[in-house]
Protein backbone atom coordinates (compact mmCIF):
# COMPACT_ATOMS: atom_id res chain seq x y z
CA UNK A 1 11.92 -14.91 -33.63
CA UNK A 2 12.33 -17.79 -31.16
CA UNK A 3 9.52 -18.17 -28.65
CA UNK A 4 10.11 -17.95 -24.95
CA UNK A 5 7.11 -20.30 -24.57
CA UNK A 6 7.99 -23.41 -26.60
CA UNK A 7 5.63 -25.71 -24.68
CA UNK A 8 2.75 -23.33 -25.47
CA UNK A 9 3.78 -23.27 -29.13
CA UNK A 10 3.62 -27.07 -29.31
CA UNK A 11 0.27 -27.11 -27.52
CA UNK A 12 -1.32 -24.53 -29.87
CA UNK A 13 0.05 -26.28 -33.00
CA UNK A 14 -1.46 -29.57 -31.82
CA UNK A 15 -4.87 -28.35 -30.66
CA UNK A 16 -5.72 -24.95 -32.08
CA UNK A 17 -4.33 -24.35 -35.62
CA UNK A 18 -6.62 -25.23 -38.55
CA UNK A 19 -6.03 -24.75 -42.25
CA UNK A 20 -8.62 -23.84 -44.89
CA UNK A 21 -10.48 -20.63 -45.70
CA UNK A 22 -11.74 -18.62 -42.74
CA UNK A 23 -13.43 -15.28 -42.16
CA UNK A 24 -12.01 -13.64 -39.01
CA UNK A 25 -13.84 -11.47 -36.48
CA UNK A 26 -11.97 -8.50 -37.93
CA UNK A 27 -13.69 -9.14 -41.29
CA UNK A 28 -10.41 -10.22 -42.89
CA UNK A 29 -10.02 -13.67 -44.49
CA UNK A 30 -7.24 -16.12 -43.86
CA UNK A 31 -6.03 -19.54 -45.01
CA UNK A 32 -5.53 -20.59 -41.39
CA UNK A 33 -7.43 -20.16 -38.13
CA UNK A 34 -6.20 -20.24 -34.58
CA UNK A 35 -9.04 -21.40 -32.36
CA UNK A 36 -8.28 -19.71 -29.06
CA UNK A 37 -11.05 -21.57 -27.28
CA UNK A 38 -9.24 -24.83 -27.99
CA UNK A 39 -6.26 -23.47 -26.12
CA UNK A 40 -8.10 -22.23 -23.05
CA UNK A 41 -10.75 -24.97 -22.82
CA UNK A 42 -8.08 -27.53 -21.97
CA UNK A 43 -6.48 -27.73 -18.47
CA UNK A 44 -2.93 -27.94 -19.82
CA UNK A 45 -3.52 -24.99 -22.13
CA UNK A 46 -4.92 -22.89 -19.25
CA UNK A 47 -1.92 -23.79 -17.11
CA UNK A 48 0.53 -22.81 -19.80
CA UNK A 49 -1.27 -19.53 -20.49
CA UNK A 50 -1.51 -18.59 -16.79
CA UNK A 51 2.18 -19.33 -16.24
CA UNK A 52 3.22 -17.28 -19.26
CA UNK A 53 0.99 -14.35 -18.27
CA UNK A 54 2.46 -14.38 -14.80
CA UNK A 55 5.90 -13.80 -16.39
CA UNK A 56 4.49 -10.86 -18.37
CA UNK A 57 2.87 -9.32 -15.27
CA UNK A 58 6.17 -9.33 -13.36
CA UNK A 59 6.99 -5.79 -14.53
CA UNK A 60 3.39 -4.59 -14.44
CA UNK A 61 1.76 -4.86 -11.04
CA UNK A 62 -1.98 -4.84 -11.51
CA UNK A 63 -5.03 -4.78 -9.30
CA UNK A 64 -7.24 -6.91 -11.59
CA UNK A 65 -7.18 -8.84 -14.86
CA UNK A 66 -9.90 -9.33 -17.46
CA UNK A 67 -11.23 -8.42 -20.85
CA UNK A 68 -14.09 -8.73 -23.33
CA UNK A 69 -16.40 -11.68 -23.08
CA UNK A 70 -15.95 -14.58 -23.99
CA UNK A 71 -12.24 -15.23 -24.82
CA UNK A 72 -10.88 -13.22 -21.91
CA UNK A 73 -13.11 -14.97 -19.34
CA UNK A 74 -11.17 -18.23 -19.55
CA UNK A 75 -7.81 -16.50 -19.40
CA UNK A 76 -8.63 -14.15 -16.54
CA UNK A 77 -10.17 -16.97 -14.54
CA UNK A 78 -7.06 -19.11 -14.96
CA UNK A 79 -4.75 -16.27 -13.91
CA UNK A 80 -6.94 -15.28 -10.98
CA UNK A 81 -7.12 -18.91 -9.79
CA UNK A 82 -3.36 -19.40 -10.15
CA UNK A 83 -2.66 -16.13 -8.36
CA UNK A 84 -4.06 -17.47 -5.09
CA UNK A 85 -0.52 -18.78 -4.48
CA UNK A 86 1.23 -15.58 -5.66
CA UNK A 87 2.38 -12.85 -3.28
CA UNK A 88 -0.50 -10.66 -4.45
CA UNK A 89 -3.63 -12.48 -5.67
CA UNK A 90 -5.25 -10.85 -8.73
CA UNK A 91 -9.06 -10.64 -8.96
CA UNK A 92 -10.80 -10.75 -12.32
CA UNK A 93 -13.38 -8.77 -14.28
CA UNK A 94 -15.34 -9.26 -17.47
CA UNK A 95 -16.40 -6.59 -19.95
CA UNK A 96 -19.71 -7.33 -21.68
CA UNK A 97 -20.02 -6.48 -25.37
CA UNK A 98 -23.08 -4.39 -24.39
CA UNK A 99 -24.38 -3.16 -21.07
CA UNK A 100 -26.97 -5.54 -19.71
CA UNK A 101 -30.54 -4.32 -19.59
CA UNK A 102 -31.50 -5.91 -16.25
CA UNK A 103 -30.22 -6.17 -12.66
CA UNK A 104 -27.28 -3.85 -12.03
CA UNK A 105 -27.12 -2.94 -15.75
CA UNK A 106 -23.33 -3.10 -15.70
CA UNK A 107 -21.06 -3.44 -18.66
CA UNK A 108 -18.07 -4.37 -16.50
CA UNK A 109 -18.66 -7.23 -14.02
CA UNK A 110 -16.41 -8.57 -11.29
CA UNK A 111 -13.77 -6.93 -9.14
CA UNK A 112 -12.39 -3.77 -10.63
CA UNK A 113 -10.99 -1.28 -8.13
CA UNK A 114 -11.87 2.34 -8.87
CA UNK A 115 -8.82 4.10 -10.21
CA UNK A 116 -6.91 0.83 -10.19
CA UNK A 117 -4.42 -0.54 -12.62
CA UNK A 118 -5.49 -3.51 -14.72
CA UNK A 119 -4.29 -5.98 -17.32
CA UNK A 120 -6.55 -6.64 -20.34
CA UNK A 121 -6.29 -10.11 -21.91
CA UNK A 122 -7.56 -11.90 -25.01
CA UNK A 123 -6.85 -15.14 -26.80
CA UNK A 124 -6.11 -14.44 -30.51
CA UNK A 125 -5.95 -10.93 -31.96
CA UNK A 126 -5.86 -9.64 -35.52
CA UNK A 127 -6.65 -5.92 -35.48
CA UNK A 128 -7.19 -5.69 -31.71
CA UNK A 129 -10.86 -4.74 -31.78
CA UNK A 130 -11.92 -6.82 -28.81
CA UNK A 131 -9.01 -5.65 -26.68
CA UNK A 132 -9.68 -2.06 -27.62
CA UNK A 133 -13.38 -2.37 -26.71
CA UNK A 134 -12.40 -3.72 -23.31
CA UNK A 135 -9.82 -0.97 -22.79
CA UNK A 136 -12.40 1.75 -23.59
CA UNK A 137 -14.84 0.24 -21.11
CA UNK A 138 -12.22 -0.03 -18.41
CA UNK A 139 -11.01 3.53 -18.93
CA UNK A 140 -14.65 4.61 -18.67
CA UNK A 141 -14.61 3.14 -15.15
CA UNK A 142 -11.63 5.38 -14.25
CA UNK A 143 -9.04 2.62 -14.30
CA UNK A 144 -5.63 2.63 -15.96
CA UNK A 145 -4.76 -0.16 -18.37
CA UNK A 146 -1.19 -1.11 -17.41
CA UNK A 147 -0.81 -3.84 -19.94
CA UNK A 148 -2.58 -5.82 -22.68
CA UNK A 149 -1.62 -9.47 -23.07
CA UNK A 150 -2.77 -11.86 -25.75
CA UNK A 151 -2.03 -15.48 -26.39
CA UNK A 152 -1.39 -15.12 -30.15
CA UNK A 153 -0.91 -11.98 -32.26
CA UNK A 154 -1.68 -12.42 -35.97
CA UNK A 155 0.51 -9.37 -36.81
CA UNK A 156 -2.33 -7.55 -38.61
CA UNK A 157 -2.53 -4.24 -36.76
CA UNK A 158 -3.30 -4.99 -33.10
CA UNK A 159 0.15 -3.95 -31.89
CA UNK A 160 -0.07 -0.63 -33.77
CA UNK A 161 -3.60 0.05 -32.56
CA UNK A 162 -2.62 -0.55 -28.92
CA UNK A 163 0.47 1.65 -29.30
CA UNK A 164 -1.81 4.41 -30.58
CA UNK A 165 -3.81 4.07 -27.33
CA UNK A 166 -0.62 4.21 -25.25
CA UNK A 167 -1.09 0.70 -23.86
CA UNK A 168 1.96 -1.52 -23.41
CA UNK A 169 1.35 -4.78 -25.29
CA UNK A 170 2.85 -8.21 -24.73
CA UNK A 171 1.65 -11.05 -27.01
CA UNK A 172 2.78 -14.41 -25.64
CA UNK A 173 3.31 -15.67 -29.20
CA UNK A 174 3.00 -14.44 -32.75
CA UNK A 175 2.12 -16.27 -35.93
CA UNK A 176 5.83 -16.47 -36.63
CA UNK A 177 6.30 -18.62 -33.52
CA UNK A 178 3.64 -20.94 -34.93
CA UNK A 179 5.33 -21.09 -38.36
CA UNK A 180 2.39 -19.33 -40.03
CA UNK A 181 4.18 -16.17 -41.27
CA UNK A 182 7.66 -14.96 -42.01
CA UNK A 183 9.66 -13.33 -39.28
CA UNK A 184 10.38 -10.04 -41.02
CA UNK A 185 6.69 -9.14 -41.58
CA UNK A 186 5.66 -9.83 -38.02
CA UNK A 187 8.78 -8.49 -36.32
CA UNK A 188 8.53 -5.12 -38.09
CA UNK A 189 4.94 -4.81 -36.88
CA UNK A 190 5.84 -5.68 -33.29
CA UNK A 191 9.00 -3.55 -33.21
CA UNK A 192 7.15 -0.43 -34.35
CA UNK A 193 5.15 -0.67 -31.14
CA UNK A 194 7.98 -1.44 -28.76
CA UNK A 195 6.75 -4.98 -28.06
């Protein structure tokens, strides 16, 4: 599987891949960790991610972009900012892990058009739990999720889970692109979902 984002691959390998023993948000353990915040906290990383997501959105016109706090905030902000120069600027939204108890008491903040079509983003996914939580909140607002985009898919069930929800899924990279898994294992996971 050759990546269509070789500059992003190099960037992630340099700044975000760590080796050791790690417990992941999914509860699984791994001998490597991809620190998504190291990708999106750096200007060059944000630029590469925004450019790659723009390519993915070409076939999926959306009215807004966002996802679950905190990983999606960086990504959605970069895309929204870059979109100022696109034919149709894309506003952003954030989904809180829990509805806030004060003020407007919203779980979804930002610009999310009622009944609109949105893209949900995240940095690194394993089983897809964060993306799914965001999708459920967005659907609860009456919006359609046109596409889910992640920076890196660890090929551990996210693609299958999103397919079960009927959400098109486009990871920018997989762990194969980063040299962290064999191609057959990851490809079979992504092919089953039409990615």
